[in-house]
Amino acid sequence: MTFNQSGRTKEKSRILWYELVDKTIDALKHALTNAPLLHPPDYHRDYFIYLASCDATIFMLLVQEDDSSSKHVIHYLSSSLTKTEIKYAHVEKLALAAVKAVQRFRRYILL
C-alpha cells in the first residue's frame, strides 16, 4: 500500500483485508468492552509487580493469581520520564519503576 503526502492511499493501490484480521479486531473489541480490566484485590494472596520501560515511559502492573493460576491486574500505572530520566540506562529505568511502584502500591503491599 502506498500513501500520498496527505496520508491517504493512492487510488490504484489495494488494501488486502483478511478474515483473520476481522476476527482479531472483533476479539479485541469484545475483550475491551466485556471483560473486567481490573479486579478487586484479595488481601490474603500474594502480589506480583511487573515492570517495563521504553525510551520515555515506565510501566508498572500490580497482579494477583487466582485459584486456577490465572493472573488478574489489580492496578496499573505508567509514568512519563523527565529529560534527565530519559538518559538513564534501561536497568536504571526499571529501578525507578520499582521505586515508584512500591510507593504507589504501598496501600496494597503493607496490608
PDB file of N, CA and C in Angstrom:
ATOM      1  N   MET A   1       0.855  -1.157   0.000  1.00  0.00           N
ATOM      2  CA  MET A   1       0.000   0.000   0.000  1.00  0.00           C
ATOM      3  C   MET A   1       0.907   1.228   0.000  1.00  0.00           C
ATOM      4  N   THR A   2       0.555   2.195  -0.783  1.00  0.00           N
ATOM      5  CA  THR A   2       1.341   3.428  -0.848  1.00  0.00           C
ATOM      6  C   THR A   2       0.463   4.599  -0.453  1.00  0.00           C
ATOM      7  N   PHE A   3       1.093   5.608   0.084  1.00  0.00           N
ATOM      8  CA  PHE A   3       0.373   6.788   0.551  1.00  0.00           C
ATOM      9  C   PHE A   3       0.871   8.013  -0.192  1.00  0.00           C
ATOM     10  N   ASN A   4      -0.014   8.962  -0.415  1.00  0.00           N
ATOM     11  CA  ASN A   4       0.414  10.242  -0.956  1.00  0.00           C
ATOM     12  C   ASN A   4       0.752  11.164   0.214  1.00  0.00           C
ATOM     13  N   GLN A   5       1.085  12.415  -0.049  1.00  0.00           N
ATOM     14  CA  GLN A   5       1.539  13.317   1.000  1.00  0.00           C
ATOM     15  C   GLN A   5       0.459  13.635   2.032  1.00  0.00           C
ATOM     16  N   SER A   6      -0.789  13.529   1.656  1.00  0.00           N
ATOM     17  CA  SER A   6      -1.862  13.835   2.613  1.00  0.00           C
ATOM     18  C   SER A   6      -2.136  12.658   3.542  1.00  0.00           C
ATOM     19  N   GLY A   7      -1.443  11.527   3.352  1.00  0.00           N
ATOM     20  CA  GLY A   7      -1.643  10.375   4.207  1.00  0.00           C
ATOM     21  C   GLY A   7      -2.725   9.429   3.717  1.00  0.00           C
ATOM     22  N   ARG A   8      -3.348   9.746   2.595  1.00  0.00           N
ATOM     23  CA  ARG A   8      -4.385   8.881   2.050  1.00  0.00           C
ATOM     24  C   ARG A   8      -3.765   7.912   1.064  1.00  0.00           C
ATOM     25  N   THR A   9      -4.421   6.789   0.873  1.00  0.00           N
ATOM     26  CA  THR A   9      -3.895   5.811  -0.077  1.00  0.00           C
ATOM     27  C   THR A   9      -4.107   6.308  -1.499  1.00  0.00           C
ATOM     28  N   LYS A  10      -3.201   5.941  -2.357  1.00  0.00           N
ATOM     29  CA  LYS A  10      -3.370   6.297  -3.768  1.00  0.00           C
ATOM     30  C   LYS A  10      -4.531   5.500  -4.346  1.00  0.00           C
ATOM     31  N   GLU A  11      -5.145   6.041  -5.343  1.00  0.00           N
ATOM     32  CA  GLU A  11      -6.356   5.439  -5.895  1.00  0.00           C
ATOM     33  C   GLU A  11      -6.125   4.036  -6.435  1.00  0.00           C
ATOM     34  N   LYS A  12      -4.982   3.750  -7.013  1.00  0.00           N
ATOM     35  CA  LYS A  12      -4.750   2.463  -7.650  1.00  0.00           C
ATOM     36  C   LYS A  12      -4.250   1.394  -6.674  1.00  0.00           C
ATOM     37  N   SER A  13      -3.909   1.769  -5.471  1.00  0.00           N
ATOM     38  CA  SER A  13      -3.401   0.770  -4.523  1.00  0.00           C
ATOM     39  C   SER A  13      -4.555  -0.016  -3.917  1.00  0.00           C
ATOM     40  N   ARG A  14      -4.265  -1.242  -3.541  1.00  0.00           N
ATOM     41  CA  ARG A  14      -5.276  -2.103  -2.948  1.00  0.00           C
ATOM     42  C   ARG A  14      -4.942  -2.356  -1.486  1.00  0.00           C
ATOM     43  N   ILE A  15      -5.961  -2.458  -0.693  1.00  0.00           N
ATOM     44  CA  ILE A  15      -5.779  -2.840   0.704  1.00  0.00           C
ATOM     45  C   ILE A  15      -6.254  -4.279   0.832  1.00  0.00           C
ATOM     46  N   LEU A  16      -5.365  -5.139   1.294  1.00  0.00           N
ATOM     47  CA  LEU A  16      -5.724  -6.543   1.476  1.00  0.00           C
ATOM     48  C   LEU A  16      -6.260  -6.722   2.895  1.00  0.00           C
ATOM     49  N   TRP A  17      -7.443  -7.258   3.001  1.00  0.00           N
ATOM     50  CA  TRP A  17      -8.074  -7.446   4.302  1.00  0.00           C
ATOM     51  C   TRP A  17      -8.420  -8.917   4.429  1.00  0.00           C
ATOM     52  N   TYR A  18      -7.929  -9.540   5.451  1.00  0.00           N
ATOM     53  CA  TYR A  18      -8.128 -10.973   5.614  1.00  0.00           C
ATOM     54  C   TYR A  18      -9.166 -11.249   6.688  1.00  0.00           C
ATOM     55  N   GLU A  19      -9.769 -12.417   6.597  1.00  0.00           N
ATOM     56  CA  GLU A  19     -10.758 -12.823   7.594  1.00  0.00           C
ATOM     57  C   GLU A  19     -10.132 -12.877   8.992  1.00  0.00           C
ATOM     58  N   LEU A  20      -8.867 -13.261   9.068  1.00  0.00           N
ATOM     59  CA  LEU A  20      -8.169 -13.315  10.353  1.00  0.00           C
ATOM     60  C   LEU A  20      -8.087 -11.930  11.000  1.00  0.00           C
ATOM     61  N   VAL A  21      -7.908 -10.894  10.186  1.00  0.00           N
ATOM     62  CA  VAL A  21      -7.863  -9.529  10.709  1.00  0.00           C
ATOM     63  C   VAL A  21      -9.214  -9.173  11.326  1.00  0.00           C
ATOM     64  N   ASP A  22     -10.302  -9.504  10.640  1.00  0.00           N
ATOM     65  CA  ASP A  22     -11.643  -9.246  11.177  1.00  0.00           C
ATOM     66  C   ASP A  22     -11.853  -9.961  12.506  1.00  0.00           C
ATOM     67  N   LYS A  23     -11.455 -11.226  12.574  1.00  0.00           N
ATOM     68  CA  LYS A  23     -11.634 -11.999  13.805  1.00  0.00           C
ATOM     69  C   LYS A  23     -10.799 -11.410  14.940  1.00  0.00           C
ATOM     70  N   THR A  24      -9.596 -10.987  14.631  1.00  0.00           N
ATOM     71  CA  THR A  24      -8.713 -10.414  15.647  1.00  0.00           C
ATOM     72  C   THR A  24      -9.275  -9.108  16.183  1.00  0.00           C
ATOM     73  N   ILE A  25      -9.737  -8.243  15.302  1.00  0.00           N
ATOM     74  CA  ILE A  25     -10.316  -6.970  15.722  1.00  0.00           C
ATOM     75  C   ILE A  25     -11.579  -7.203  16.542  1.00  0.00           C
ATOM     76  N   ASP A  26     -12.415  -8.141  16.124  1.00  0.00           N
ATOM     77  CA  ASP A  26     -13.628  -8.447  16.880  1.00  0.00           C
ATOM     78  C   ASP A  26     -13.294  -8.997  18.264  1.00  0.00           C
ATOM     79  N   ALA A  27     -12.282  -9.842  18.358  1.00  0.00           N
ATOM     80  CA  ALA A  27     -11.877 -10.391  19.656  1.00  0.00           C
ATOM     81  C   ALA A  27     -11.345  -9.284  20.568  1.00  0.00           C
ATOM     82  N   LEU A  28     -10.583  -8.355  20.005  1.00  0.00           N
ATOM     83  CA  LEU A  28     -10.058  -7.238  20.780  1.00  0.00           C
ATOM     84  C   LEU A  28     -11.196  -6.342  21.273  1.00  0.00           C
ATOM     85  N   LYS A  29     -12.157  -6.031  20.399  1.00  0.00           N
ATOM     86  CA  LYS A  29     -13.310  -5.224  20.802  1.00  0.00           C
ATOM     87  C   LYS A  29     -14.072  -5.899  21.937  1.00  0.00           C
ATOM     88  N   HIS A  30     -14.274  -7.202  21.797  1.00  0.00           N
ATOM     89  CA  HIS A  30     -15.007  -7.946  22.822  1.00  0.00           C
ATOM     90  C   HIS A  30     -14.259  -7.919  24.152  1.00  0.00           C
ATOM     91  N   ALA A  31     -12.952  -8.124  24.122  1.00  0.00           N
ATOM     92  CA  ALA A  31     -12.155  -8.147  25.354  1.00  0.00           C
ATOM     93  C   ALA A  31     -12.167  -6.786  26.042  1.00  0.00           C
ATOM     94  N   LEU A  32     -12.108  -5.721  25.274  1.00  0.00           N
ATOM     95  CA  LEU A  32     -12.058  -4.384  25.854  1.00  0.00           C
ATOM     96  C   LEU A  32     -13.409  -3.906  26.365  1.00  0.00           C
ATOM     97  N   THR A  33     -14.482  -4.427  25.824  1.00  0.00           N
ATOM     98  CA  THR A  33     -15.800  -3.944  26.229  1.00  0.00           C
ATOM     99  C   THR A  33     -16.524  -4.872  27.195  1.00  0.00           C
ATOM    100  N   ASN A  34     -16.111  -6.126  27.304  1.00  0.00           N
ATOM    101  CA  ASN A  34     -16.844  -7.079  28.132  1.00  0.00           C
ATOM    102  C   ASN A  34     -16.070  -7.609  29.330  1.00  0.00           C
ATOM    103  N   ALA A  35     -14.811  -7.859  29.173  1.00  0.00           N
ATOM    104  CA  ALA A  35     -14.045  -8.453  30.265  1.00  0.00           C
ATOM    105  C   ALA A  35     -13.693  -7.391  31.301  1.00  0.00           C
ATOM    106  N   PRO A  36     -13.694  -7.760  32.569  1.00  0.00           N
ATOM    107  CA  PRO A  36     -13.242  -6.783  33.574  1.00  0.00           C
ATOM    108  C   PRO A  36     -11.749  -6.535  33.408  1.00  0.00           C
ATOM    109  N   LEU A  37     -11.377  -5.286  33.278  1.00  0.00           N
ATOM    110  CA  LEU A  37      -9.968  -4.967  33.084  1.00  0.00           C
ATOM    111  C   LEU A  37      -9.209  -4.975  34.409  1.00  0.00           C
ATOM    112  N   LEU A  38      -9.873  -4.585  35.479  1.00  0.00           N
ATOM    113  CA  LEU A  38      -9.249  -4.579  36.793  1.00  0.00           C
ATOM    114  C   LEU A  38     -10.067  -5.456  37.735  1.00  0.00           C
ATOM    115  N   HIS A  39      -9.372  -6.160  38.603  1.00  0.00           N
ATOM    116  CA  HIS A  39     -10.032  -6.995  39.597  1.00  0.00           C
ATOM    117  C   HIS A  39      -9.822  -6.404  40.983  1.00  0.00           C
ATOM    118  N   PRO A  40     -10.746  -6.611  41.878  1.00  0.00           N
ATOM    119  CA  PRO A  40     -10.519  -6.159  43.253  1.00  0.00           C
ATOM    120  C   PRO A  40      -9.447  -7.029  43.898  1.00  0.00           C
ATOM    121  N   PRO A  41      -8.660  -6.463  44.791  1.00  0.00           N
ATOM    122  CA  PRO A  41      -7.587  -7.252  45.412  1.00  0.00           C
ATOM    123  C   PRO A  41      -8.144  -8.252  46.423  1.00  0.00           C
ATOM    124  N   ASP A  42      -7.455  -9.375  46.531  1.00  0.00           N
ATOM    125  CA  ASP A  42      -7.706 -10.351  47.588  1.00  0.00           C
ATOM    126  C   ASP A  42      -6.551 -10.188  48.565  1.00  0.00           C
ATOM    127  N   TYR A  43      -6.828  -9.607  49.711  1.00  0.00           N
ATOM    128  CA  TYR A  43      -5.766  -9.234  50.640  1.00  0.00           C
ATOM    129  C   TYR A  43      -5.093 -10.436  51.302  1.00  0.00           C
ATOM    130  N   HIS A  44      -5.571 -11.634  51.036  1.00  0.00           N
ATOM    131  CA  HIS A  44      -4.972 -12.839  51.600  1.00  0.00           C
ATOM    132  C   HIS A  44      -4.035 -13.530  50.609  1.00  0.00           C
ATOM    133  N   ARG A  45      -3.871 -12.979  49.450  1.00  0.00           N
ATOM    134  CA  ARG A  45      -2.991 -13.570  48.423  1.00  0.00           C
ATOM    135  C   ARG A  45      -1.774 -12.681  48.195  1.00  0.00           C
ATOM    136  N   ASP A  46      -0.736 -13.292  47.634  1.00  0.00           N
ATOM    137  CA  ASP A  46       0.474 -12.546  47.298  1.00  0.00           C
ATOM    138  C   ASP A  46       0.240 -11.688  46.062  1.00  0.00           C
ATOM    139  N   TYR A  47       1.043 -10.644  45.959  1.00  0.00           N
ATOM    140  CA  TYR A  47       1.009  -9.750  44.802  1.00  0.00           C
ATOM    141  C   TYR A  47       2.268  -9.957  43.967  1.00  0.00           C
ATOM    142  N   PHE A  48       2.146  -9.660  42.693  1.00  0.00           N
ATOM    143  CA  PHE A  48       3.277  -9.634  41.786  1.00  0.00           C
ATOM    144  C   PHE A  48       3.338  -8.241  41.181  1.00  0.00           C
ATOM    145  N   ILE A  49       4.543  -7.700  41.053  1.00  0.00           N
ATOM    146  CA  ILE A  49       4.718  -6.402  40.406  1.00  0.00           C
ATOM    147  C   ILE A  49       5.507  -6.634  39.126  1.00  0.00           C
ATOM    148  N   TYR A  50       4.935  -6.224  38.010  1.00  0.00           N
ATOM    149  CA  TYR A  50       5.597  -6.319  36.716  1.00  0.00           C
ATOM    150  C   TYR A  50       6.048  -4.927  36.307  1.00  0.00           C
ATOM    151  N   LEU A  51       7.270  -4.849  35.794  1.00  0.00           N
ATOM    152  CA  LEU A  51       7.852  -3.561  35.398  1.00  0.00           C
ATOM    153  C   LEU A  51       8.273  -3.616  33.941  1.00  0.00           C
ATOM    154  N   ALA A  52       8.162  -2.486  33.263  1.00  0.00           N
ATOM    155  CA  ALA A  52       8.638  -2.369  31.887  1.00  0.00           C
ATOM    156  C   ALA A  52       9.051  -0.925  31.656  1.00  0.00           C
ATOM    157  N   SER A  53       9.937  -0.747  30.700  1.00  0.00           N
ATOM    158  CA  SER A  53      10.336   0.617  30.345  1.00  0.00           C
ATOM    159  C   SER A  53      10.629   0.680  28.858  1.00  0.00           C
ATOM    160  N   CYS A  54      10.430   1.852  28.325  1.00  0.00           N
ATOM    161  CA  CYS A  54      10.831   2.134  26.951  1.00  0.00           C
ATOM    162  C   CYS A  54      11.609   3.441  26.988  1.00  0.00           C
ATOM    163  N   ASP A  55      11.772   4.082  25.878  1.00  0.00           N
ATOM    164  CA  ASP A  55      12.608   5.279  25.830  1.00  0.00           C
ATOM    165  C   ASP A  55      12.158   6.374  26.784  1.00  0.00           C
ATOM    166  N   ALA A  56      10.883   6.679  26.808  1.00  0.00           N
ATOM    167  CA  ALA A  56      10.418   7.848  27.562  1.00  0.00           C
ATOM    168  C   ALA A  56       9.328   7.552  28.585  1.00  0.00           C
ATOM    169  N   THR A  57       9.027   6.263  28.821  1.00  0.00           N
ATOM    170  CA  THR A  57       7.939   5.905  29.721  1.00  0.00           C
ATOM    171  C   THR A  57       8.299   4.654  30.508  1.00  0.00           C
ATOM    172  N   ILE A  58       7.796   4.594  31.744  1.00  0.00           N
ATOM    173  CA  ILE A  58       7.907   3.365  32.523  1.00  0.00           C
ATOM    174  C   ILE A  58       6.499   2.876  32.833  1.00  0.00           C
ATOM    175  N   PHE A  59       6.361   1.558  32.963  1.00  0.00           N
ATOM    176  CA  PHE A  59       5.063   0.932  33.187  1.00  0.00           C
ATOM    177  C   PHE A  59       5.155   0.001  34.381  1.00  0.00           C
ATOM    178  N   MET A  60       4.090  -0.040  35.193  1.00  0.00           N
ATOM    179  CA  MET A  60       4.060  -0.870  36.381  1.00  0.00           C
ATOM    180  C   MET A  60       2.692  -1.530  36.509  1.00  0.00           C
ATOM    181  N   LEU A  61       2.670  -2.834  36.802  1.00  0.00           N
ATOM    182  CA  LEU A  61       1.424  -3.570  36.999  1.00  0.00           C
ATOM    183  C   LEU A  61       1.455  -4.261  38.346  1.00  0.00           C
ATOM    184  N   LEU A  62       0.354  -4.217  39.058  1.00  0.00           N
ATOM    185  CA  LEU A  62       0.183  -4.991  40.279  1.00  0.00           C
ATOM    186  C   LEU A  62      -0.794  -6.108  39.938  1.00  0.00           C
ATOM    187  N   VAL A  63      -0.371  -7.350  40.129  1.00  0.00           N
ATOM    188  CA  VAL A  63      -1.111  -8.513  39.651  1.00  0.00           C
ATOM    189  C   VAL A  63      -1.277  -9.525  40.784  1.00  0.00           C
ATOM    190  N   GLN A  64      -2.364 -10.282  40.744  1.00  0.00           N
ATOM    191  CA  GLN A  64      -2.569 -11.407  41.647  1.00  0.00           C
ATOM    192  C   GLN A  64      -3.018 -12.619  40.847  1.00  0.00           C
ATOM    193  N   GLU A  65      -2.695 -13.808  41.379  1.00  0.00           N
ATOM    194  CA  GLU A  65      -3.162 -15.058  40.783  1.00  0.00           C
ATOM    195  C   GLU A  65      -4.381 -15.552  41.536  1.00  0.00           C
ATOM    196  N   ASP A  66      -5.310 -16.173  40.807  1.00  0.00           N
ATOM    197  CA  ASP A  66      -6.464 -16.780  41.467  1.00  0.00           C
ATOM    198  C   ASP A  66      -6.190 -18.275  41.673  1.00  0.00           C
ATOM    199  N   ASP A  67      -7.206 -19.020  42.080  1.00  0.00           N
ATOM    200  CA  ASP A  67      -7.038 -20.449  42.360  1.00  0.00           C
ATOM    201  C   ASP A  67      -6.640 -21.254  41.132  1.00  0.00           C
ATOM    202  N   SER A  68      -7.027 -20.793  39.956  1.00  0.00           N
ATOM    203  CA  SER A  68      -6.706 -21.520  38.722  1.00  0.00           C
ATOM    204  C   SER A  68      -5.412 -21.013  38.080  1.00  0.00           C
ATOM    205  N   SER A  69      -4.616 -20.259  38.817  1.00  0.00           N
ATOM    206  CA  SER A  69      -3.335 -19.694  38.357  1.00  0.00           C
ATOM    207  C   SER A  69      -3.494 -18.677  37.242  1.00  0.00           C
ATOM    208  N   SER A  70      -4.686 -18.131  37.079  1.00  0.00           N
ATOM    209  CA  SER A  70      -4.893 -17.039  36.131  1.00  0.00           C
ATOM    210  C   SER A  70      -4.482 -15.738  36.810  1.00  0.00           C
ATOM    211  N   LYS A  71      -3.779 -14.910  36.074  1.00  0.00           N
ATOM    212  CA  LYS A  71      -3.325 -13.643  36.637  1.00  0.00           C
ATOM    213  C   LYS A  71      -4.320 -12.540  36.301  1.00  0.00           C
ATOM    214  N   HIS A  72      -4.587 -11.687  37.310  1.00  0.00           N
ATOM    215  CA  HIS A  72      -5.525 -10.584  37.146  1.00  0.00           C
ATOM    216  C   HIS A  72      -4.862  -9.283  37.575  1.00  0.00           C
ATOM    217  N   VAL A  73      -5.063  -8.248  36.783  1.00  0.00           N
ATOM    218  CA  VAL A  73      -4.494  -6.939  37.096  1.00  0.00           C
ATOM    219  C   VAL A  73      -5.323  -6.277  38.182  1.00  0.00           C
ATOM    220  N   ILE A  74      -4.639  -5.834  39.228  1.00  0.00           N
ATOM    221  CA  ILE A  74      -5.281  -5.119  40.319  1.00  0.00           C
ATOM    222  C   ILE A  74      -5.172  -3.615  40.091  1.00  0.00           C
ATOM    223  N   HIS A  75      -4.008  -3.187  39.647  1.00  0.00           N
ATOM    224  CA  HIS A  75      -3.753  -1.756  39.450  1.00  0.00           C
ATOM    225  C   HIS A  75      -2.639  -1.620  38.412  1.00  0.00           C
ATOM    226  N   TYR A  76      -2.696  -0.597  37.597  1.00  0.00           N
ATOM    227  CA  TYR A  76      -1.610  -0.347  36.660  1.00  0.00           C
ATOM    228  C   TYR A  76      -1.279   1.134  36.632  1.00  0.00           C
ATOM    229  N   LEU A  77      -0.020   1.402  36.333  1.00  0.00           N
ATOM    230  CA  LEU A  77       0.475   2.774  36.273  1.00  0.00           C
ATOM    231  C   LEU A  77       1.428   2.920  35.099  1.00  0.00           C
ATOM    232  N   SER A  78       1.504   4.121  34.606  1.00  0.00           N
ATOM    233  CA  SER A  78       2.567   4.468  33.663  1.00  0.00           C
ATOM    234  C   SER A  78       3.003   5.883  34.016  1.00  0.00           C
ATOM    235  N   SER A  79       4.227   6.175  33.694  1.00  0.00           N
ATOM    236  CA  SER A  79       4.763   7.485  34.035  1.00  0.00           C
ATOM    237  C   SER A  79       5.721   7.930  32.938  1.00  0.00           C
ATOM    238  N   SER A  80       5.548   9.147  32.498  1.00  0.00           N
ATOM    239  CA  SER A  80       6.484   9.720  31.528  1.00  0.00           C
ATOM    240  C   SER A  80       7.756  10.118  32.257  1.00  0.00           C
ATOM    241  N   LEU A  81       8.864   9.915  31.593  1.00  0.00           N
ATOM    242  CA  LEU A  81      10.148  10.245  32.194  1.00  0.00           C
ATOM    243  C   LEU A  81      10.529  11.690  31.901  1.00  0.00           C
ATOM    244  N   THR A  82      11.261  12.281  32.821  1.00  0.00           N
ATOM    245  CA  THR A  82      11.759  13.644  32.616  1.00  0.00           C
ATOM    246  C   THR A  82      12.926  13.603  31.629  1.00  0.00           C
ATOM    247  N   LYS A  83      13.389  14.769  31.206  1.00  0.00           N
ATOM    248  CA  LYS A  83      14.525  14.834  30.275  1.00  0.00           C
ATOM    249  C   LYS A  83      15.759  14.152  30.847  1.00  0.00           C
ATOM    250  N   THR A  84      15.969  14.295  32.143  1.00  0.00           N
ATOM    251  CA  THR A  84      17.112  13.654  32.785  1.00  0.00           C
ATOM    252  C   THR A  84      16.912  12.150  32.867  1.00  0.00           C
ATOM    253  N   GLU A  85      15.711  11.700  33.245  1.00  0.00           N
ATOM    254  CA  GLU A  85      15.440  10.273  33.397  1.00  0.00           C
ATOM    255  C   GLU A  85      15.496   9.529  32.067  1.00  0.00           C
ATOM    256  N   ILE A  86      15.194  10.191  30.977  1.00  0.00           N
ATOM    257  CA  ILE A  86      15.266   9.559  29.658  1.00  0.00           C
ATOM    258  C   ILE A  86      16.688   9.105  29.354  1.00  0.00           C
ATOM    259  N   LYS A  87      17.674   9.783  29.910  1.00  0.00           N
ATOM    260  CA  LYS A  87      19.079   9.445  29.669  1.00  0.00           C
ATOM    261  C   LYS A  87      19.544   8.239  30.486  1.00  0.00           C
ATOM    262  N   TYR A  88      18.731   7.766  31.443  1.00  0.00           N
ATOM    263  CA  TYR A  88      19.110   6.625  32.268  1.00  0.00           C
ATOM    264  C   TYR A  88      19.291   5.375  31.409  1.00  0.00           C
ATOM    265  N   ALA A  89      20.129   4.469  31.897  1.00  0.00           N
ATOM    266  CA  ALA A  89      20.252   3.149  31.275  1.00  0.00           C
ATOM    267  C   ALA A  89      18.952   2.376  31.525  1.00  0.00           C
ATOM    268  N   HIS A  90      18.720   1.349  30.735  1.00  0.00           N
ATOM    269  CA  HIS A  90      17.474   0.583  30.844  1.00  0.00           C
ATOM    270  C   HIS A  90      17.283   0.040  32.262  1.00  0.00           C
ATOM    271  N   VAL A  91      18.323  -0.509  32.850  1.00  0.00           N
ATOM    272  CA  VAL A  91      18.208  -1.082  34.198  1.00  0.00           C
ATOM    273  C   VAL A  91      17.898   0.000  35.228  1.00  0.00           C
ATOM    274  N   GLU A  92      18.393   1.202  35.023  1.00  0.00           N
ATOM    275  CA  GLU A  92      18.084   2.311  35.934  1.00  0.00           C
ATOM    276  C   GLU A  92      16.624   2.739  35.804  1.00  0.00           C
ATOM    277  N   LYS A  93      16.096   2.686  34.588  1.00  0.00           N
ATOM    278  CA  LYS A  93      14.676   2.997  34.385  1.00  0.00           C
ATOM    279  C   LYS A  93      13.799   1.964  35.088  1.00  0.00           C
ATOM    280  N   LEU A  94      14.211   0.698  35.034  1.00  0.00           N
ATOM    281  CA  LEU A  94      13.457  -0.343  35.729  1.00  0.00           C
ATOM    282  C   LEU A  94      13.535  -0.162  37.242  1.00  0.00           C
ATOM    283  N   ALA A  95      14.692   0.253  37.745  1.00  0.00           N
ATOM    284  CA  ALA A  95      14.835   0.520  39.174  1.00  0.00           C
ATOM    285  C   ALA A  95      13.932   1.684  39.585  1.00  0.00           C
ATOM    286  N   LEU A  96      13.875   2.713  38.760  1.00  0.00           N
ATOM    287  CA  LEU A  96      12.979   3.843  39.019  1.00  0.00           C
ATOM    288  C   LEU A  96      11.527   3.374  39.023  1.00  0.00           C
ATOM    289  N   ALA A  97      11.173   2.501  38.094  1.00  0.00           N
ATOM    290  CA  ALA A  97       9.816   1.953  38.048  1.00  0.00           C
ATOM    291  C   ALA A  97       9.519   1.163  39.321  1.00  0.00           C
ATOM    292  N   ALA A  98      10.500   0.411  39.821  1.00  0.00           N
ATOM    293  CA  ALA A  98      10.305  -0.367  41.048  1.00  0.00           C
ATOM    294  C   ALA A  98      10.042   0.562  42.234  1.00  0.00           C
ATOM    295  N   VAL A  99      10.805   1.622  42.338  1.00  0.00           N
ATOM    296  CA  VAL A  99      10.621   2.582  43.436  1.00  0.00           C
ATOM    297  C   VAL A  99       9.236   3.212  43.365  1.00  0.00           C
ATOM    298  N   LYS A 100       8.851   3.672  42.173  1.00  0.00           N
ATOM    299  CA  LYS A 100       7.535   4.301  42.019  1.00  0.00           C
ATOM    300  C   LYS A 100       6.406   3.307  42.268  1.00  0.00           C
ATOM    301  N   ALA A 101       6.594   2.055  41.844  1.00  0.00           N
ATOM    302  CA  ALA A 101       5.565   1.034  42.055  1.00  0.00           C
ATOM    303  C   ALA A 101       5.363   0.769  43.539  1.00  0.00           C
ATOM    304  N   VAL A 102       6.447   0.636  44.272  1.00  0.00           N
ATOM    305  CA  VAL A 102       6.325   0.385  45.708  1.00  0.00           C
ATOM    306  C   VAL A 102       5.673   1.579  46.403  1.00  0.00           C
ATOM    307  N   GLN A 103       6.020   2.781  45.991  1.00  0.00           N
ATOM    308  CA  GLN A 103       5.398   3.975  46.582  1.00  0.00           C
ATOM    309  C   GLN A 103       3.900   4.008  46.304  1.00  0.00           C
ATOM    310  N   ARG A 104       3.505   3.762  45.067  1.00  0.00           N
ATOM    311  CA  ARG A 104       2.089   3.876  44.688  1.00  0.00           C
ATOM    312  C   ARG A 104       1.261   2.673  45.132  1.00  0.00           C
ATOM    313  N   PHE A 105       1.878   1.472  45.175  1.00  0.00           N
ATOM    314  CA  PHE A 105       1.150   0.258  45.562  1.00  0.00           C
ATOM    315  C   PHE A 105       1.273  -0.033  47.057  1.00  0.00           C
ATOM    316  N   ARG A 106       1.806   0.895  47.799  1.00  0.00           N
ATOM    317  CA  ARG A 106       2.078   0.706  49.222  1.00  0.00           C
ATOM    318  C   ARG A 106       0.832   0.255  49.998  1.00  0.00           C
ATOM    319  N   ARG A 107      -0.297   0.849  49.695  1.00  0.00           N
ATOM    320  CA  ARG A 107      -1.519   0.504  50.438  1.00  0.00           C
ATOM    321  C   ARG A 107      -1.919  -0.966  50.245  1.00  0.00           C
ATOM    322  N   TYR A 108      -1.547  -1.570  49.124  1.00  0.00           N
ATOM    323  CA  TYR A 108      -1.823  -2.980  48.906  1.00  0.00           C
ATOM    324  C   TYR A 108      -0.760  -3.849  49.583  1.00  0.00           C
ATOM    325  N   ILE A 109       0.490  -3.427  49.460  1.00  0.00           N
ATOM    326  CA  ILE A 109       1.617  -4.247  49.913  1.00  0.00           C
ATOM    327  C   ILE A 109       1.678  -4.341  51.440  1.00  0.00           C
ATOM    328  N   LEU A 110       1.355  -3.277  52.138  1.00  0.00           N
ATOM    329  CA  LEU A 110       1.518  -3.253  53.597  1.00  0.00           C
ATOM    330  C   LEU A 110       0.370  -3.889  54.367  1.00  0.00           C
ATOM    331  N   LEU A 111      -0.712  -4.246  53.709  1.00  0.00           N
ATOM    332  CA  LEU A 111      -1.837  -4.859  54.444  1.00  0.00           C
ATOM    333  C   LEU A 111      -1.562  -6.290  54.781  1.00  0.00           C
TER     334      LEU A 111
END
